[in-house]
Amino acid sequence: MMERSPQVIPPQITDIKARQDFLKLLVERMQQNPIPSASPKFTRDMLHEHS
């Protein structure tokens, strides 16, 4: 039987200003921590487990 990964549940932010602030911080964090250009490139097969 296959194991299922836990479901990712997005934060429930209903206030528009709070949502904008959250997304701005998220983007800033992503820009401060880029994926290194020397990191390995994964193929489709590498990303899917085969048994």
PDB file of N, CA and C in Angstrom:
ATOM      1  N   MET A   1       0.835  -1.184   0.000  1.00  0.00           N
ATOM      2  CA  MET A   1       0.000   0.000   0.000  1.00  0.00           C
ATOM      3  C   MET A   1       0.884   1.254   0.000  1.00  0.00           C
ATOM      4  N   MET A   2       0.495   2.246  -0.794  1.00  0.00           N
ATOM      5  CA  MET A   2       1.289   3.463  -0.902  1.00  0.00           C
ATOM      6  C   MET A   2       1.026   4.403   0.256  1.00  0.00           C
ATOM      7  N   GLU A   3       2.097   5.012   0.765  1.00  0.00           N
ATOM      8  CA  GLU A   3       1.949   5.999   1.828  1.00  0.00           C
ATOM      9  C   GLU A   3       1.607   7.340   1.210  1.00  0.00           C
ATOM     10  N   ARG A   4       0.651   8.030   1.778  1.00  0.00           N
ATOM     11  CA  ARG A   4       0.288   9.347   1.270  1.00  0.00           C
ATOM     12  C   ARG A   4       1.001  10.411   2.073  1.00  0.00           C
ATOM     13  N   SER A   5       1.494  11.424   1.369  1.00  0.00           N
ATOM     14  CA  SER A   5       2.153  12.523   2.079  1.00  0.00           C
ATOM     15  C   SER A   5       1.086  13.395   2.727  1.00  0.00           C
ATOM     16  N   PRO A   6       1.453  14.086   3.801  1.00  0.00           N
ATOM     17  CA  PRO A   6       0.460  14.945   4.457  1.00  0.00           C
ATOM     18  C   PRO A   6      -0.007  16.054   3.518  1.00  0.00           C
ATOM     19  N   GLN A   7      -1.253  16.397   3.632  1.00  0.00           N
ATOM     20  CA  GLN A   7      -1.814  17.451   2.784  1.00  0.00           C
ATOM     21  C   GLN A   7      -1.283  18.806   3.243  1.00  0.00           C
ATOM     22  N   VAL A   8      -0.971  19.664   2.277  1.00  0.00           N
ATOM     23  CA  VAL A   8      -0.534  21.022   2.602  1.00  0.00           C
ATOM     24  C   VAL A   8      -1.774  21.902   2.622  1.00  0.00           C
ATOM     25  N   ILE A   9      -1.995  22.552   3.757  1.00  0.00           N
ATOM     26  CA  ILE A   9      -3.176  23.398   3.903  1.00  0.00           C
ATOM     27  C   ILE A   9      -2.721  24.851   3.950  1.00  0.00           C
ATOM     28  N   PRO A  10      -3.159  25.663   2.981  1.00  0.00           N
ATOM     29  CA  PRO A  10      -2.729  27.063   2.991  1.00  0.00           C
ATOM     30  C   PRO A  10      -3.311  27.805   4.186  1.00  0.00           C
ATOM     31  N   PRO A  11      -2.597  28.823   4.649  1.00  0.00           N
ATOM     32  CA  PRO A  11      -3.121  29.587   5.786  1.00  0.00           C
ATOM     33  C   PRO A  11      -4.427  30.278   5.413  1.00  0.00           C
ATOM     34  N   GLN A  12      -5.369  30.271   6.323  1.00  0.00           N
ATOM     35  CA  GLN A  12      -6.663  30.901   6.065  1.00  0.00           C
ATOM     36  C   GLN A  12      -6.598  32.363   6.489  1.00  0.00           C
ATOM     37  N   ILE A  13      -6.137  33.222   5.580  1.00  0.00           N
ATOM     38  CA  ILE A  13      -6.036  34.652   5.868  1.00  0.00           C
ATOM     39  C   ILE A  13      -7.145  35.343   5.085  1.00  0.00           C
ATOM     40  N   THR A  14      -8.131  35.850   5.805  1.00  0.00           N
ATOM     41  CA  THR A  14      -9.268  36.477   5.128  1.00  0.00           C
ATOM     42  C   THR A  14      -9.088  37.982   4.985  1.00  0.00           C
ATOM     43  N   ASP A  15      -8.293  38.596   5.873  1.00  0.00           N
ATOM     44  CA  ASP A  15      -8.046  40.033   5.801  1.00  0.00           C
ATOM     45  C   ASP A  15      -7.106  40.321   4.624  1.00  0.00           C
ATOM     46  N   ILE A  16      -7.539  41.158   3.691  1.00  0.00           N
ATOM     47  CA  ILE A  16      -6.765  41.428   2.476  1.00  0.00           C
ATOM     48  C   ILE A  16      -5.389  42.021   2.805  1.00  0.00           C
ATOM     49  N   LYS A  17      -5.325  42.968   3.718  1.00  0.00           N
ATOM     50  CA  LYS A  17      -4.046  43.598   4.086  1.00  0.00           C
ATOM     51  C   LYS A  17      -3.104  42.567   4.705  1.00  0.00           C
ATOM     52  N   ALA A  18      -3.624  41.729   5.585  1.00  0.00           N
ATOM     53  CA  ALA A  18      -2.796  40.688   6.202  1.00  0.00           C
ATOM     54  C   ALA A  18      -2.292  39.715   5.138  1.00  0.00           C
ATOM     55  N   ARG A  19      -3.142  39.387   4.168  1.00  0.00           N
ATOM     56  CA  ARG A  19      -2.747  38.471   3.078  1.00  0.00           C
ATOM     57  C   ARG A  19      -1.635  39.103   2.236  1.00  0.00           C
ATOM     58  N   GLN A  20      -1.774  40.394   1.924  1.00  0.00           N
ATOM     59  CA  GLN A  20      -0.757  41.083   1.129  1.00  0.00           C
ATOM     60  C   GLN A  20       0.571  41.116   1.874  1.00  0.00           C
ATOM     61  N   ASP A  21       0.518  41.397   3.186  1.00  0.00           N
ATOM     62  CA  ASP A  21       1.739  41.426   3.998  1.00  0.00           C
ATOM     63  C   ASP A  21       2.399  40.052   4.032  1.00  0.00           C
ATOM     64  N   PHE A  22       1.592  39.012   4.194  1.00  0.00           N
ATOM     65  CA  PHE A  22       2.105  37.644   4.237  1.00  0.00           C
ATOM     66  C   PHE A  22       2.793  37.293   2.915  1.00  0.00           C
ATOM     67  N   LEU A  23       2.144  37.595   1.804  1.00  0.00           N
ATOM     68  CA  LEU A  23       2.714  37.260   0.501  1.00  0.00           C
ATOM     69  C   LEU A  23       3.987  38.059   0.231  1.00  0.00           C
ATOM     70  N   LYS A  24       4.007  39.322   0.668  1.00  0.00           N
ATOM     71  CA  LYS A  24       5.202  40.153   0.485  1.00  0.00           C
ATOM     72  C   LYS A  24       6.376  39.555   1.253  1.00  0.00           C
ATOM     73  N   LEU A  25       6.151  39.157   2.504  1.00  0.00           N
ATOM     74  CA  LEU A  25       7.206  38.541   3.309  1.00  0.00           C
ATOM     75  C   LEU A  25       7.668  37.218   2.699  1.00  0.00           C
ATOM     76  N   LEU A  26       6.713  36.447   2.188  1.00  0.00           N
ATOM     77  CA  LEU A  26       7.041  35.167   1.575  1.00  0.00           C
ATOM     78  C   LEU A  26       7.954  35.359   0.365  1.00  0.00           C
ATOM     79  N   VAL A  27       7.602  36.308  -0.501  1.00  0.00           N
ATOM     80  CA  VAL A  27       8.411  36.575  -1.693  1.00  0.00           C
ATOM     81  C   VAL A  27       9.797  37.086  -1.302  1.00  0.00           C
ATOM     82  N   GLU A  28       9.860  37.980  -0.318  1.00  0.00           N
ATOM     83  CA  GLU A  28      11.157  38.495   0.131  1.00  0.00           C
ATOM     84  C   GLU A  28      12.044  37.368   0.647  1.00  0.00           C
ATOM     85  N   ARG A  29      11.443  36.450   1.400  1.00  0.00           N
ATOM     86  CA  ARG A  29      12.206  35.309   1.928  1.00  0.00           C
ATOM     87  C   ARG A  29      12.720  34.411   0.820  1.00  0.00           C
ATOM     88  N   MET A  30      11.876  34.193  -0.182  1.00  0.00           N
ATOM     89  CA  MET A  30      12.285  33.349  -1.307  1.00  0.00           C
ATOM     90  C   MET A  30      13.445  34.009  -2.068  1.00  0.00           C
ATOM     91  N   GLN A  31      13.397  35.343  -2.205  1.00  0.00           N
ATOM     92  CA  GLN A  31      14.460  36.052  -2.916  1.00  0.00           C
ATOM     93  C   GLN A  31      15.764  36.051  -2.120  1.00  0.00           C
ATOM     94  N   GLN A  32      15.673  36.028  -0.797  1.00  0.00           N
ATOM     95  CA  GLN A  32      16.869  36.008   0.039  1.00  0.00           C
ATOM     96  C   GLN A  32      17.501  34.619   0.095  1.00  0.00           C
ATOM     97  N   ASN A  33      16.755  33.585  -0.268  1.00  0.00           N
ATOM     98  CA  ASN A  33      17.249  32.208  -0.210  1.00  0.00           C
ATOM     99  C   ASN A  33      17.070  31.508  -1.555  1.00  0.00           C
ATOM    100  N   PRO A  34      17.761  32.007  -2.592  1.00  0.00           N
ATOM    101  CA  PRO A  34      17.581  31.390  -3.916  1.00  0.00           C
ATOM    102  C   PRO A  34      18.181  29.987  -3.975  1.00  0.00           C
ATOM    103  N   ILE A  35      17.695  29.201  -4.906  1.00  0.00           N
ATOM    104  CA  ILE A  35      18.263  27.869  -5.134  1.00  0.00           C
ATOM    105  C   ILE A  35      19.614  28.083  -5.825  1.00  0.00           C
ATOM    106  N   PRO A  36      20.692  27.515  -5.292  1.00  0.00           N
ATOM    107  CA  PRO A  36      22.016  27.712  -5.906  1.00  0.00           C
ATOM    108  C   PRO A  36      22.048  27.207  -7.348  1.00  0.00           C
ATOM    109  N   SER A  37      22.735  27.932  -8.217  1.00  0.00           N
ATOM    110  CA  SER A  37      22.792  27.545  -9.632  1.00  0.00           C
ATOM    111  C   SER A  37      23.512  26.215  -9.829  1.00  0.00           C
ATOM    112  N   ALA A  38      24.369  25.832  -8.874  1.00  0.00           N
ATOM    113  CA  ALA A  38      25.102  24.569  -8.983  1.00  0.00           C
ATOM    114  C   ALA A  38      24.314  23.388  -8.424  1.00  0.00           C
ATOM    115  N   SER A  39      23.083  23.627  -7.970  1.00  0.00           N
ATOM    116  CA  SER A  39      22.297  22.530  -7.401  1.00  0.00           C
ATOM    117  C   SER A  39      21.903  21.539  -8.495  1.00  0.00           C
ATOM    118  N   PRO A  40      21.721  20.262  -8.121  1.00  0.00           N
ATOM    119  CA  PRO A  40      21.388  19.250  -9.134  1.00  0.00           C
ATOM    120  C   PRO A  40      20.006  19.491  -9.737  1.00  0.00           C
ATOM    121  N   LYS A  41      19.900  19.165 -11.021  1.00  0.00           N
ATOM    122  CA  LYS A  41      18.613  19.276 -11.714  1.00  0.00           C
ATOM    123  C   LYS A  41      17.926  17.913 -11.626  1.00  0.00           C
ATOM    124  N   PHE A  42      16.693  17.902 -11.145  1.00  0.00           N
ATOM    125  CA  PHE A  42      15.969  16.644 -10.992  1.00  0.00           C
ATOM    126  C   PHE A  42      15.117  16.358 -12.217  1.00  0.00           C
ATOM    127  N   THR A  43      15.146  15.112 -12.660  1.00  0.00           N
ATOM    128  CA  THR A  43      14.296  14.697 -13.775  1.00  0.00           C
ATOM    129  C   THR A  43      12.954  14.238 -13.210  1.00  0.00           C
ATOM    130  N   ARG A  44      11.996  14.050 -14.073  1.00  0.00           N
ATOM    131  CA  ARG A  44      10.682  13.579 -13.644  1.00  0.00           C
ATOM    132  C   ARG A  44      10.807  12.225 -12.942  1.00  0.00           C
ATOM    133  N   ASP A  45      11.629  11.337 -13.503  1.00  0.00           N
ATOM    134  CA  ASP A  45      11.808  10.021 -12.889  1.00  0.00           C
ATOM    135  C   ASP A  45      12.430  10.105 -11.504  1.00  0.00           C
ATOM    136  N   MET A  46      13.357  11.032 -11.328  1.00  0.00           N
ATOM    137  CA  MET A  46      14.000  11.186 -10.020  1.00  0.00           C
ATOM    138  C   MET A  46      13.019  11.679  -8.960  1.00  0.00           C
ATOM    139  N   LEU A  47      12.006  12.428  -9.365  1.00  0.00           N
ATOM    140  CA  LEU A  47      11.055  12.988  -8.431  1.00  0.00           C
ATOM    141  C   LEU A  47       9.938  12.007  -8.033  1.00  0.00           C
ATOM    142  N   HIS A  48       9.813  10.918  -8.784  1.00  0.00           N
ATOM    143  CA  HIS A  48       8.769   9.937  -8.494  1.00  0.00           C
ATOM    144  C   HIS A  48       9.392   8.620  -8.057  1.00  0.00           C
ATOM    145  N   GLU A  49       8.905   8.127  -6.944  1.00  0.00           N
ATOM    146  CA  GLU A  49       9.415   6.860  -6.437  1.00  0.00           C
ATOM    147  C   GLU A  49       8.878   5.708  -7.277  1.00  0.00           C
ATOM    148  N   HIS A  50       9.744   4.766  -7.543  1.00  0.00           N
ATOM    149  CA  HIS A  50       9.351   3.562  -8.279  1.00  0.00           C
ATOM    150  C   HIS A  50       9.576   2.364  -7.371  1.00  0.00           C
ATOM    151  N   SER A  51       8.593   1.485  -7.318  1.00  0.00           N
ATOM    152  CA  SER A  51       8.795   0.308  -6.472  1.00  0.00           C
ATOM    153  C   SER A  51       8.759  -0.961  -7.286  1.00  0.00           C
TER     154      SER A  51
END
